[in-house]
């Protein structure tokens, strides 16, 4: 694991330490888990935004989604997939 330093406001660090102690973990473990969760969420947000832009550029609306899924599934069944 790489070492680094992050500065946090005192009250926030105190909350992290208290929460970590309640879970029998270190503050570093709790903070690392929270940061990983944040990064995963941001990755998902970016994925959604990117694909919403693609759909808009292609002229696909939310109302088209169910029909497009049905067409896709039907084509896959016809081709044995």
Protein backbone atom coordinates (compact mmCIF):
# COMPACT_ATOMS: atom_id res chain seq x y z
CA UNK A 1 0.00 0.00 0.00
CA UNK A 2 1.36 3.43 -0.90
CA UNK A 3 1.79 5.94 1.88
CA UNK A 4 0.57 9.49 1.68
CA UNK A 5 -0.80 12.26 3.79
CA UNK A 6 -4.19 13.89 3.60
CA UNK A 7 -5.15 16.86 5.72
CA UNK A 8 -8.65 16.91 7.18
CA UNK A 9 -10.39 19.38 9.44
CA UNK A 10 -10.04 18.30 13.07
CA UNK A 11 -13.75 17.67 13.70
CA UNK A 12 -14.04 15.50 10.57
CA UNK A 13 -10.99 13.46 11.54
CA UNK A 14 -12.43 13.00 15.02
CA UNK A 15 -15.66 11.64 13.49
CA UNK A 16 -13.70 9.29 11.26
CA UNK A 17 -11.63 8.03 14.19
CA UNK A 18 -14.76 7.49 16.32
CA UNK A 19 -16.55 5.63 13.52
CA UNK A 20 -13.47 3.52 12.82
CA UNK A 21 -13.05 2.58 16.47
CA UNK A 22 -16.71 1.53 16.64
CA UNK A 23 -16.04 -0.87 13.76
CA UNK A 24 -12.68 -2.06 15.16
CA UNK A 25 -10.88 -0.58 12.19
CA UNK A 26 -8.28 2.09 11.70
CA UNK A 27 -9.10 5.59 10.54
CA UNK A 28 -6.95 4.90 7.46
CA UNK A 29 -9.04 1.84 6.56
CA UNK A 30 -12.30 3.72 6.98
CA UNK A 31 -11.05 6.69 4.95
CA UNK A 32 -9.70 4.42 2.20
CA UNK A 33 -13.05 2.61 1.96
CA UNK A 34 -14.93 5.91 1.81
CA UNK A 35 -12.63 7.26 -0.91
CA UNK A 36 -12.97 4.04 -2.94
CA UNK A 37 -16.76 4.27 -2.69
CA UNK A 38 -16.65 7.91 -3.81
CA UNK A 39 -14.43 7.08 -6.80
CA UNK A 40 -16.71 4.21 -7.86
CA UNK A 41 -19.73 6.49 -7.62
CA UNK A 42 -18.02 9.19 -9.68
CA UNK A 43 -17.04 6.62 -12.28
CA UNK A 44 -20.70 5.55 -12.54
CA UNK A 45 -21.86 9.18 -12.78
CA UNK A 46 -19.39 9.80 -15.62
CA UNK A 47 -20.52 6.61 -17.38
CA UNK A 48 -24.17 7.68 -17.20
CA UNK A 49 -23.43 11.24 -18.35
CA UNK A 50 -21.31 9.99 -21.26
CA UNK A 51 -24.03 7.61 -22.42
CA UNK A 52 -26.79 10.19 -21.97
CA UNK A 53 -24.81 12.46 -24.30
CA UNK A 54 -24.39 9.62 -26.81
CA UNK A 55 -28.13 8.88 -26.70
CA UNK A 56 -28.96 12.56 -27.19
CA UNK A 57 -26.52 12.78 -30.11
CA UNK A 58 -28.21 9.72 -31.67
CA UNK A 59 -31.68 11.18 -31.10
CA UNK A 60 -32.67 8.46 -28.63
CA UNK A 61 -35.13 9.52 -25.95
CA UNK A 62 -36.01 7.80 -22.69
CA UNK A 63 -39.26 6.71 -24.31
CA UNK A 64 -37.30 4.78 -26.95
CA UNK A 65 -35.40 2.62 -24.47
CA UNK A 66 -37.97 -0.15 -23.86
CA UNK A 67 -38.59 -0.53 -27.60
CA UNK A 68 -34.86 -0.65 -28.39
CA UNK A 69 -34.24 -3.28 -25.71
CA UNK A 70 -37.09 -5.41 -27.06
CA UNK A 71 -35.73 -5.11 -30.61
CA UNK A 72 -32.22 -6.03 -29.46
CA UNK A 73 -33.47 -9.09 -27.57
CA UNK A 74 -35.59 -10.17 -30.51
CA UNK A 75 -32.63 -9.93 -32.91
CA UNK A 76 -30.47 -11.95 -30.50
CA UNK A 77 -33.11 -14.69 -30.26
CA UNK A 78 -33.35 -14.83 -34.05
CA UNK A 79 -29.58 -15.28 -34.29
CA UNK A 80 -29.38 -17.82 -31.47
CA UNK A 81 -27.60 -15.57 -29.01
